[in-house]
Amino acid sequence: MSTFLARRPVWQVNYLAALAACVVVELWGLIWRAAGVPMRAAGLGSPHASTITVGMFAMGTLVFTFVVVLIARFARHPRRVYLRTALPLLVLSLAAPILAADTATATKVVLAVAHLIAGAIIIPIVAWRLGIPRQSGVRAIADGARPPSNQPPAAATSGSPTTSPAKFSSGTSPSQRS
């Protein structure tokens, strides 16, 4: 994946993945709405269908993803806990559209596939980010952790002469030394 994502806290990676999934899932819903699939479904326990408005796909995606990341946040093995929670919940989430009363079969299929699309986007990205090992209480960056602030950065290896950080402690600038 990206070094950009590796440097972000888990909640930000989750948010960005959920945002991407929201866009894709909303487009999915709009395409099928334009194709004539009735976007009316009954909620859990409701006998009558109500209109699925633009934004409802996104809202469901965001709520689900943040709950699962919170569960994994305090785990000793966050990636494992995340996957063991997210995957069964994804499967369970399919029950809502499939069992919805007063809902057309085409709508049920569109909604169920929307759940799978969101899961296919979010789960691998967040699981990858949670898999980056912790280092000093902070997740390590995929291409190496930053040094603690009390230590100088590593010397450059570009081939140019470098001066050891210890030589700067004398109070003289590099140009005054010979």
N, C-alpha and C. Protein backbone atom coordinates (compact mmCIF):
# COMPACT_ATOMS: atom_id res chain seq x y z
N MET A 1 0.85 -1.18 0.00
CA MET A 1 0.00 0.00 0.00
C MET A 1 0.89 1.24 0.00
N SER A 2 0.36 2.31 0.37
CA SER A 2 1.05 3.59 0.28
C SER A 2 1.78 3.96 1.56
N THR A 3 2.95 4.59 1.41
CA THR A 3 3.65 5.14 2.56
C THR A 3 2.80 6.22 3.20
N PHE A 4 2.05 6.95 2.38
CA PHE A 4 1.14 7.98 2.91
C PHE A 4 0.19 7.37 3.94
N LEU A 5 -0.42 6.24 3.62
CA LEU A 5 -1.34 5.60 4.55
C LEU A 5 -0.61 5.01 5.75
N ALA A 6 0.60 4.52 5.53
CA ALA A 6 1.37 3.93 6.63
C ALA A 6 1.71 4.96 7.69
N ARG A 7 1.82 6.20 7.31
CA ARG A 7 2.18 7.27 8.25
C ARG A 7 0.97 7.84 8.98
N ARG A 8 -0.21 7.47 8.59
CA ARG A 8 -1.44 8.01 9.18
C ARG A 8 -1.89 7.14 10.35
N PRO A 9 -2.51 7.76 11.35
CA PRO A 9 -3.11 6.96 12.43
C PRO A 9 -4.21 6.08 11.84
N VAL A 10 -4.51 5.01 12.55
CA VAL A 10 -5.49 4.04 12.07
C VAL A 10 -6.83 4.70 11.80
N TRP A 11 -7.26 5.60 12.68
CA TRP A 11 -8.58 6.22 12.50
C TRP A 11 -8.63 7.02 11.21
N GLN A 12 -7.51 7.65 10.82
CA GLN A 12 -7.49 8.41 9.57
C GLN A 12 -7.52 7.48 8.36
N VAL A 13 -6.79 6.39 8.42
CA VAL A 13 -6.81 5.41 7.34
C VAL A 13 -8.22 4.85 7.19
N ASN A 14 -8.85 4.55 8.32
CA ASN A 14 -10.22 4.05 8.31
C ASN A 14 -11.16 5.09 7.69
N TYR A 15 -10.99 6.33 8.08
CA TYR A 15 -11.85 7.39 7.55
C TYR A 15 -11.67 7.53 6.03
N LEU A 16 -10.42 7.53 5.57
CA LEU A 16 -10.16 7.67 4.13
C LEU A 16 -10.71 6.47 3.35
N ALA A 17 -10.53 5.27 3.90
CA ALA A 17 -11.07 4.07 3.23
C ALA A 17 -12.59 4.13 3.21
N ALA A 18 -13.19 4.54 4.32
CA ALA A 18 -14.65 4.64 4.39
C ALA A 18 -15.16 5.70 3.43
N LEU A 19 -14.43 6.81 3.33
CA LEU A 19 -14.82 7.87 2.39
C LEU A 19 -14.80 7.36 0.95
N ALA A 20 -13.74 6.64 0.60
CA ALA A 20 -13.65 6.06 -0.74
C ALA A 20 -14.80 5.07 -0.97
N ALA A 21 -15.07 4.24 0.03
CA ALA A 21 -16.18 3.28 -0.09
C ALA A 21 -17.51 3.99 -0.21
N CYS A 22 -17.69 5.07 0.53
CA CYS A 22 -18.94 5.84 0.45
C CYS A 22 -19.19 6.35 -0.96
N VAL A 23 -18.15 6.89 -1.58
CA VAL A 23 -18.28 7.42 -2.94
C VAL A 23 -18.67 6.29 -3.90
N VAL A 24 -17.96 5.17 -3.82
CA VAL A 24 -18.23 4.06 -4.73
C VAL A 24 -19.63 3.49 -4.50
N VAL A 25 -20.01 3.32 -3.24
CA VAL A 25 -21.31 2.73 -2.92
C VAL A 25 -22.44 3.69 -3.31
N GLU A 26 -22.25 4.98 -3.10
CA GLU A 26 -23.27 5.95 -3.52
C GLU A 26 -23.43 5.92 -5.04
N LEU A 27 -22.31 5.86 -5.77
CA LEU A 27 -22.40 5.75 -7.23
C LEU A 27 -23.10 4.46 -7.64
N TRP A 28 -22.80 3.38 -6.96
CA TRP A 28 -23.47 2.10 -7.20
C TRP A 28 -24.98 2.26 -7.06
N GLY A 29 -25.40 2.87 -5.98
CA GLY A 29 -26.83 3.08 -5.75
C GLY A 29 -27.47 4.00 -6.78
N LEU A 30 -26.76 5.05 -7.16
CA LEU A 30 -27.30 5.99 -8.15
C LEU A 30 -27.43 5.34 -9.52
N ILE A 31 -26.48 4.50 -9.89
CA ILE A 31 -26.55 3.80 -11.18
C ILE A 31 -27.80 2.93 -11.23
N TRP A 32 -28.04 2.17 -10.16
CA TRP A 32 -29.20 1.28 -10.16
C TRP A 32 -30.51 2.04 -10.00
N ARG A 33 -30.47 3.16 -9.31
CA ARG A 33 -31.66 4.01 -9.22
C ARG A 33 -32.02 4.52 -10.62
N ALA A 34 -30.99 4.97 -11.37
CA ALA A 34 -31.20 5.46 -12.73
C ALA A 34 -31.68 4.32 -13.66
N ALA A 35 -31.28 3.09 -13.35
CA ALA A 35 -31.70 1.94 -14.16
C ALA A 35 -33.12 1.49 -13.83
N GLY A 36 -33.72 2.12 -12.84
CA GLY A 36 -35.11 1.82 -12.52
C GLY A 36 -35.34 0.89 -11.33
N VAL A 37 -34.28 0.53 -10.63
CA VAL A 37 -34.46 -0.30 -9.44
C VAL A 37 -35.09 0.58 -8.35
N PRO A 38 -36.20 0.13 -7.77
CA PRO A 38 -36.85 0.96 -6.74
C PRO A 38 -36.00 1.01 -5.48
N MET A 39 -35.62 2.19 -5.08
CA MET A 39 -34.80 2.35 -3.88
C MET A 39 -35.70 2.61 -2.68
N ARG A 40 -36.43 1.57 -2.33
CA ARG A 40 -37.31 1.57 -1.15
C ARG A 40 -37.07 0.26 -0.42
N ALA A 41 -36.78 0.35 0.87
CA ALA A 41 -36.55 -0.85 1.66
C ALA A 41 -37.07 -0.64 3.07
N ALA A 42 -37.49 -1.71 3.69
CA ALA A 42 -37.94 -1.65 5.07
C ALA A 42 -36.73 -1.81 5.99
N GLY A 43 -36.73 -1.05 7.06
CA GLY A 43 -35.68 -1.19 8.06
C GLY A 43 -35.92 -2.42 8.90
N LEU A 44 -34.97 -2.73 9.76
CA LEU A 44 -35.10 -3.91 10.62
C LEU A 44 -36.35 -3.79 11.48
N GLY A 45 -37.19 -4.77 11.40
CA GLY A 45 -38.41 -4.80 12.19
C GLY A 45 -39.57 -3.97 11.64
N SER A 46 -39.34 -3.26 10.57
CA SER A 46 -40.39 -2.43 9.98
C SER A 46 -41.13 -3.23 8.91
N PRO A 47 -42.47 -3.19 8.92
CA PRO A 47 -43.22 -3.94 7.91
C PRO A 47 -43.34 -3.21 6.57
N HIS A 48 -43.06 -1.90 6.56
CA HIS A 48 -43.24 -1.12 5.34
C HIS A 48 -41.94 -0.48 4.88
N ALA A 49 -41.75 -0.46 3.58
CA ALA A 49 -40.55 0.12 3.00
C ALA A 49 -40.63 1.64 3.01
N SER A 50 -39.47 2.25 3.15
CA SER A 50 -39.37 3.70 3.01
C SER A 50 -38.26 3.99 2.00
N THR A 51 -38.25 5.20 1.50
CA THR A 51 -37.30 5.57 0.45
C THR A 51 -35.87 5.60 0.98
N ILE A 52 -34.97 5.04 0.20
CA ILE A 52 -33.54 5.12 0.50
C ILE A 52 -33.03 6.37 -0.19
N THR A 53 -32.66 7.35 0.60
CA THR A 53 -32.22 8.62 0.03
C THR A 53 -30.72 8.61 -0.23
N VAL A 54 -30.27 9.56 -1.04
CA VAL A 54 -28.85 9.72 -1.29
C VAL A 54 -28.19 10.05 0.05
N GLY A 55 -27.11 9.39 0.35
CA GLY A 55 -26.42 9.60 1.61
C GLY A 55 -26.64 8.47 2.60
N MET A 56 -27.72 7.71 2.43
CA MET A 56 -27.97 6.61 3.35
C MET A 56 -26.95 5.49 3.18
N PHE A 57 -26.48 5.27 1.97
CA PHE A 57 -25.43 4.28 1.75
C PHE A 57 -24.18 4.70 2.54
N ALA A 58 -23.81 5.96 2.39
CA ALA A 58 -22.61 6.47 3.05
C ALA A 58 -22.74 6.42 4.57
N MET A 59 -23.89 6.79 5.10
CA MET A 59 -24.09 6.80 6.54
C MET A 59 -23.89 5.40 7.12
N GLY A 60 -24.47 4.41 6.50
CA GLY A 60 -24.31 3.04 6.98
C GLY A 60 -22.87 2.58 6.94
N THR A 61 -22.16 2.97 5.90
CA THR A 61 -20.75 2.60 5.75
C THR A 61 -19.92 3.20 6.88
N LEU A 62 -20.11 4.47 7.16
CA LEU A 62 -19.32 5.14 8.18
C LEU A 62 -19.57 4.60 9.58
N VAL A 63 -20.82 4.38 9.91
CA VAL A 63 -21.15 3.89 11.25
C VAL A 63 -20.50 2.53 11.49
N PHE A 64 -20.65 1.63 10.54
CA PHE A 64 -20.11 0.28 10.68
C PHE A 64 -18.60 0.30 10.87
N THR A 65 -17.89 1.05 10.04
CA THR A 65 -16.44 0.99 10.06
C THR A 65 -15.86 1.54 11.35
N PHE A 66 -16.41 2.61 11.87
CA PHE A 66 -15.84 3.18 13.08
C PHE A 66 -16.10 2.33 14.31
N VAL A 67 -17.21 1.64 14.35
CA VAL A 67 -17.49 0.73 15.47
C VAL A 67 -16.45 -0.38 15.50
N VAL A 68 -16.15 -0.95 14.35
CA VAL A 68 -15.20 -2.06 14.29
C VAL A 68 -13.78 -1.60 14.62
N VAL A 69 -13.37 -0.41 14.18
CA VAL A 69 -12.04 0.09 14.51
C VAL A 69 -11.94 0.37 16.01
N LEU A 70 -12.99 0.84 16.62
CA LEU A 70 -12.96 1.04 18.07
C LEU A 70 -12.77 -0.28 18.81
N ILE A 71 -13.39 -1.32 18.32
CA ILE A 71 -13.22 -2.64 18.93
C ILE A 71 -11.75 -3.07 18.84
N ALA A 72 -11.15 -2.88 17.69
CA ALA A 72 -9.77 -3.30 17.48
C ALA A 72 -8.75 -2.37 18.15
N ARG A 73 -9.14 -1.16 18.46
CA ARG A 73 -8.21 -0.15 19.00
C ARG A 73 -7.51 -0.61 20.28
N PHE A 74 -8.22 -1.29 21.13
CA PHE A 74 -7.67 -1.65 22.42
C PHE A 74 -7.23 -3.11 22.49
N ALA A 75 -7.15 -3.75 21.36
CA ALA A 75 -6.78 -5.17 21.32
C ALA A 75 -5.26 -5.35 21.31
N ARG A 76 -4.83 -6.46 21.83
CA ARG A 76 -3.41 -6.78 21.83
C ARG A 76 -2.91 -7.08 20.41
N HIS A 77 -3.76 -7.71 19.60
CA HIS A 77 -3.46 -8.02 18.21
C HIS A 77 -4.55 -7.37 17.36
N PRO A 78 -4.45 -6.06 17.10
CA PRO A 78 -5.56 -5.34 16.47
C PRO A 78 -5.97 -5.85 15.10
N ARG A 79 -5.02 -6.25 14.27
CA ARG A 79 -5.37 -6.73 12.93
C ARG A 79 -6.22 -7.99 13.02
N ARG A 80 -5.80 -8.91 13.86
CA ARG A 80 -6.53 -10.16 14.02
C ARG A 80 -7.93 -9.90 14.58
N VAL A 81 -8.03 -9.05 15.60
CA VAL A 81 -9.33 -8.73 16.19
C VAL A 81 -10.21 -8.02 15.17
N TYR A 82 -9.61 -7.11 14.41
CA TYR A 82 -10.37 -6.38 13.39
C TYR A 82 -10.96 -7.35 12.37
N LEU A 83 -10.12 -8.24 11.84
CA LEU A 83 -10.61 -9.19 10.83
C LEU A 83 -11.63 -10.16 11.40
N ARG A 84 -11.39 -10.61 12.63
CA ARG A 84 -12.34 -11.53 13.26
C ARG A 84 -13.67 -10.86 13.61
N THR A 85 -13.67 -9.56 13.66
CA THR A 85 -14.90 -8.81 13.94
C THR A 85 -15.54 -8.33 12.64
N ALA A 86 -14.74 -7.73 11.76
CA ALA A 86 -15.27 -7.11 10.55
C ALA A 86 -15.87 -8.12 9.57
N LEU A 87 -15.19 -9.23 9.37
CA LEU A 87 -15.69 -10.19 8.38
C LEU A 87 -17.03 -10.84 8.79
N PRO A 88 -17.17 -11.32 10.03
CA PRO A 88 -18.49 -11.85 10.41
C PRO A 88 -19.58 -10.76 10.41
N LEU A 89 -19.21 -9.54 10.82
CA LEU A 89 -20.21 -8.47 10.79
C LEU A 89 -20.61 -8.12 9.35
N LEU A 90 -19.67 -8.22 8.43
CA LEU A 90 -20.01 -7.99 7.02
C LEU A 90 -21.02 -9.04 6.56
N VAL A 91 -20.78 -10.29 6.90
CA VAL A 91 -21.71 -11.36 6.53
C VAL A 91 -23.07 -11.12 7.19
N LEU A 92 -23.06 -10.77 8.47
CA LEU A 92 -24.33 -10.49 9.17
C LEU A 92 -25.05 -9.29 8.57
N SER A 93 -24.29 -8.30 8.08
CA SER A 93 -24.92 -7.10 7.51
C SER A 93 -25.74 -7.44 6.26
N LEU A 94 -25.42 -8.55 5.63
CA LEU A 94 -26.18 -8.96 4.44
C LEU A 94 -27.61 -9.37 4.79
N ALA A 95 -27.82 -9.74 6.04
CA ALA A 95 -29.16 -10.15 6.47
C ALA A 95 -30.15 -9.00 6.38
N ALA A 96 -29.69 -7.78 6.68
CA ALA A 96 -30.61 -6.63 6.67
C ALA A 96 -31.29 -6.44 5.31
N PRO A 97 -30.53 -6.35 4.22
CA PRO A 97 -31.23 -6.19 2.94
C PRO A 97 -31.96 -7.46 2.49
N ILE A 98 -31.38 -8.61 2.76
CA ILE A 98 -32.00 -9.86 2.29
C ILE A 98 -33.33 -10.13 2.99
N LEU A 99 -33.40 -9.83 4.29
CA LEU A 99 -34.61 -10.11 5.06
C LEU A 99 -35.58 -8.93 5.12
N ALA A 100 -35.25 -7.83 4.45
CA ALA A 100 -36.11 -6.64 4.51
C ALA A 100 -37.50 -6.94 3.97
N ALA A 101 -38.50 -6.60 4.74
CA ALA A 101 -39.90 -6.80 4.32
C ALA A 101 -40.29 -5.72 3.32
N ASP A 102 -41.27 -6.00 2.50
CA ASP A 102 -41.83 -5.02 1.59
C ASP A 102 -40.75 -4.36 0.71
N THR A 103 -39.79 -5.18 0.26
CA THR A 103 -38.67 -4.67 -0.54
C THR A 103 -38.52 -5.55 -1.78
N ALA A 104 -38.37 -4.90 -2.93
CA ALA A 104 -38.21 -5.62 -4.19
C ALA A 104 -36.92 -6.43 -4.18
N THR A 105 -36.93 -7.57 -4.85
CA THR A 105 -35.76 -8.44 -4.91
C THR A 105 -34.56 -7.70 -5.52
N ALA A 106 -34.79 -6.93 -6.56
CA ALA A 106 -33.69 -6.17 -7.19
C ALA A 106 -33.06 -5.20 -6.18
N THR A 107 -33.88 -4.58 -5.36
CA THR A 107 -33.38 -3.66 -4.35
C THR A 107 -32.55 -4.41 -3.31
N LYS A 108 -33.02 -5.57 -2.91
CA LYS A 108 -32.29 -6.39 -1.95
C LYS A 108 -30.90 -6.75 -2.48
N VAL A 109 -30.85 -7.12 -3.76
CA VAL A 109 -29.57 -7.49 -4.38
C VAL A 109 -28.64 -6.28 -4.45
N VAL A 110 -29.16 -5.13 -4.87
CA VAL A 110 -28.35 -3.91 -4.96
C VAL A 110 -27.79 -3.55 -3.58
N LEU A 111 -28.62 -3.63 -2.56
CA LEU A 111 -28.18 -3.28 -1.21
C LEU A 111 -27.16 -4.28 -0.67
N ALA A 112 -27.39 -5.57 -0.91
CA ALA A 112 -26.44 -6.58 -0.44
C ALA A 112 -25.09 -6.42 -1.12
N VAL A 113 -25.10 -6.17 -2.42
CA VAL A 113 -23.84 -5.97 -3.14
C VAL A 113 -23.15 -4.69 -2.66
N ALA A 114 -23.93 -3.67 -2.31
CA ALA A 114 -23.35 -2.44 -1.77
C ALA A 114 -22.58 -2.74 -0.48
N HIS A 115 -23.11 -3.60 0.36
CA HIS A 115 -22.41 -4.00 1.59
C HIS A 115 -21.08 -4.67 1.24
N LEU A 116 -21.11 -5.56 0.25
CA LEU A 116 -19.90 -6.28 -0.15
C LEU A 116 -18.87 -5.34 -0.77
N ILE A 117 -19.32 -4.36 -1.55
CA ILE A 117 -18.41 -3.39 -2.14
C ILE A 117 -17.71 -2.59 -1.05
N ALA A 118 -18.48 -2.10 -0.10
CA ALA A 118 -17.90 -1.31 1.00
C ALA A 118 -16.88 -2.16 1.77
N GLY A 119 -17.24 -3.40 2.07
CA GLY A 119 -16.32 -4.28 2.78
C GLY A 119 -15.06 -4.56 1.99
N ALA A 120 -15.21 -4.74 0.67
CA ALA A 120 -14.05 -5.03 -0.18
C ALA A 120 -13.09 -3.86 -0.27
N ILE A 121 -13.58 -2.67 -0.06
CA ILE A 121 -12.72 -1.49 -0.08
C ILE A 121 -12.11 -1.24 1.30
N ILE A 122 -12.92 -1.24 2.32
CA ILE A 122 -12.48 -0.83 3.65
C ILE A 122 -11.66 -1.89 4.37
N ILE A 123 -12.14 -3.11 4.41
CA ILE A 123 -11.51 -4.13 5.25
C ILE A 123 -10.04 -4.39 4.90
N PRO A 124 -9.67 -4.58 3.63
CA PRO A 124 -8.25 -4.83 3.34
C PRO A 124 -7.35 -3.65 3.70
N ILE A 125 -7.81 -2.44 3.46
CA ILE A 125 -6.98 -1.26 3.73
C ILE A 125 -6.75 -1.10 5.23
N VAL A 126 -7.82 -1.18 6.01
CA VAL A 126 -7.68 -1.01 7.46
C VAL A 126 -6.91 -2.18 8.06
N ALA A 127 -7.16 -3.40 7.60
CA ALA A 127 -6.42 -4.56 8.11
C ALA A 127 -4.93 -4.42 7.81
N TRP A 128 -4.61 -3.94 6.63
CA TRP A 128 -3.19 -3.71 6.29
C TRP A 128 -2.58 -2.71 7.25
N ARG A 129 -3.28 -1.61 7.50
CA ARG A 129 -2.74 -0.58 8.39
C ARG A 129 -2.61 -1.09 9.82
N LEU A 130 -3.57 -1.87 10.27
CA LEU A 130 -3.48 -2.43 11.61
C LEU A 130 -2.36 -3.46 11.72
N GLY A 131 -1.92 -4.01 10.60
CA GLY A 131 -0.86 -5.01 10.59
C GLY A 131 0.53 -4.42 10.72
N ILE A 132 0.66 -3.11 10.62
CA ILE A 132 1.98 -2.49 10.79
C ILE A 132 2.33 -2.59 12.27
N PRO A 133 3.46 -3.21 12.61
CA PRO A 133 3.77 -3.46 14.02
C PRO A 133 3.93 -2.18 14.83
N ARG A 134 3.59 -2.28 16.10
CA ARG A 134 3.74 -1.15 17.00
C ARG A 134 5.21 -1.01 17.36
N GLN A 135 5.64 0.24 17.52
CA GLN A 135 7.01 0.48 17.95
C GLN A 135 6.97 1.64 18.93
N SER A 136 7.42 1.42 20.13
CA SER A 136 7.44 2.42 21.18
C SER A 136 6.06 3.01 21.42
N GLY A 137 5.05 2.18 21.39
CA GLY A 137 3.69 2.65 21.65
C GLY A 137 3.03 3.33 20.46
N VAL A 138 3.77 3.52 19.40
CA VAL A 138 3.24 4.16 18.20
C VAL A 138 3.47 3.20 17.05
N ARG A 139 2.55 3.16 16.12
CA ARG A 139 2.71 2.26 14.98
C ARG A 139 3.93 2.70 14.16
N ALA A 140 4.72 1.74 13.74
CA ALA A 140 5.89 2.04 12.92
C ALA A 140 5.44 2.41 11.52
N ILE A 141 6.25 3.18 10.86
CA ILE A 141 5.97 3.56 9.49
C ILE A 141 6.48 2.44 8.59
N ALA A 142 5.79 2.17 7.53
CA ALA A 142 6.12 1.02 6.67
C ALA A 142 7.57 1.06 6.20
N ASP A 143 8.09 2.26 5.95
CA ASP A 143 9.47 2.34 5.46
C ASP A 143 10.45 2.71 6.56
N GLY A 144 10.13 2.48 7.80
CA GLY A 144 11.03 2.75 8.93
C GLY A 144 10.45 3.79 9.85
N ALA A 145 10.64 3.59 11.12
CA ALA A 145 10.09 4.52 12.11
C ALA A 145 10.93 5.78 12.18
N ARG A 146 10.32 6.88 12.53
CA ARG A 146 11.05 8.13 12.75
C ARG A 146 11.82 8.01 14.05
N PRO A 147 12.99 8.64 14.13
CA PRO A 147 13.73 8.56 15.39
C PRO A 147 13.02 9.38 16.46
N PRO A 148 13.18 9.00 17.74
CA PRO A 148 12.59 9.80 18.80
C PRO A 148 13.15 11.22 18.74
N SER A 149 12.39 12.19 19.24
CA SER A 149 12.78 13.60 19.11
C SER A 149 14.04 13.93 19.90
N ASN A 150 14.44 13.11 20.87
CA ASN A 150 15.65 13.41 21.64
C ASN A 150 16.92 12.88 20.98
N GLN A 151 16.80 12.24 19.82
CA GLN A 151 17.96 11.74 19.10
C GLN A 151 18.07 12.45 17.76
N PRO A 152 19.30 12.73 17.29
CA PRO A 152 19.45 13.39 15.99
C PRO A 152 19.07 12.44 14.87
N PRO A 153 18.62 12.98 13.74
CA PRO A 153 18.31 12.12 12.60
C PRO A 153 19.56 11.46 12.05
N ALA A 154 19.39 10.37 11.35
CA ALA A 154 20.51 9.64 10.76
C ALA A 154 21.19 10.50 9.71
N ALA A 155 22.50 10.30 9.53
CA ALA A 155 23.26 11.07 8.55
C ALA A 155 22.80 10.75 7.15
N ALA A 156 22.89 11.72 6.27
CA ALA A 156 22.50 11.52 4.87
C ALA A 156 23.50 10.61 4.19
N THR A 157 23.04 9.84 3.23
CA THR A 157 23.94 8.92 2.52
C THR A 157 24.03 9.29 1.05
N SER A 158 23.93 10.57 0.74
CA SER A 158 23.92 11.00 -0.65
C SER A 158 25.32 11.11 -1.24
N GLY A 159 26.36 10.77 -0.50
CA GLY A 159 27.70 10.85 -1.03
C GLY A 159 28.39 12.16 -0.66
N SER A 160 27.67 13.14 -0.16
CA SER A 160 28.30 14.39 0.24
C SER A 160 28.87 14.22 1.64
N PRO A 161 29.94 14.97 1.96
CA PRO A 161 30.54 14.84 3.29
C PRO A 161 29.52 15.30 4.34
N THR A 162 29.48 14.57 5.42
CA THR A 162 28.57 14.93 6.52
C THR A 162 29.36 15.15 7.78
N THR A 163 28.81 15.92 8.65
CA THR A 163 29.44 16.21 9.92
C THR A 163 28.63 15.53 11.01
N SER A 164 29.29 14.89 11.91
CA SER A 164 28.60 14.22 13.01
C SER A 164 27.89 15.25 13.87
N PRO A 165 26.69 14.97 14.33
CA PRO A 165 25.97 15.90 15.18
C PRO A 165 26.74 16.24 16.45
N ALA A 166 27.62 15.36 16.93
CA ALA A 166 28.39 15.63 18.13
C ALA A 166 29.35 16.80 17.92
N LYS A 167 29.84 17.02 16.70
CA LYS A 167 30.77 18.11 16.42
C LYS A 167 30.11 19.47 16.54
N PHE A 168 28.80 19.54 16.45
CA PHE A 168 28.11 20.81 16.56
C PHE A 168 27.96 21.26 18.00
N SER A 169 28.27 20.40 18.96
CA SER A 169 28.07 20.75 20.36
C SER A 169 29.12 21.70 20.88
N SER A 170 30.19 21.96 20.14
CA SER A 170 31.27 22.82 20.63
C SER A 170 30.90 24.29 20.57
N GLY A 171 29.80 24.62 19.92
CA GLY A 171 29.41 26.03 19.84
C GLY A 171 29.97 26.73 18.63
N THR A 172 30.77 26.06 17.82
CA THR A 172 31.32 26.68 16.61
C THR A 172 30.56 26.14 15.41
N SER A 173 30.50 26.94 14.37
CA SER A 173 29.84 26.49 13.16
C SER A 173 30.79 25.64 12.35
N PRO A 174 30.29 24.82 11.44
CA PRO A 174 31.17 23.97 10.64
C PRO A 174 32.21 24.76 9.84
N SER A 175 31.89 25.97 9.42
CA SER A 175 32.84 26.76 8.63
C SER A 175 33.99 27.29 9.48
N GLN A 176 33.83 27.38 10.83
CA GLN A 176 34.89 27.88 11.69
C GLN A 176 35.87 26.78 12.07
N ARG A 177 35.51 25.53 11.81
CA ARG A 177 36.38 24.40 12.14
C ARG A 177 37.33 24.12 10.98
N SER A 178 38.54 23.65 11.28
CA SER A 178 39.42 23.23 10.22
C SER A 178 40.00 21.88 10.49
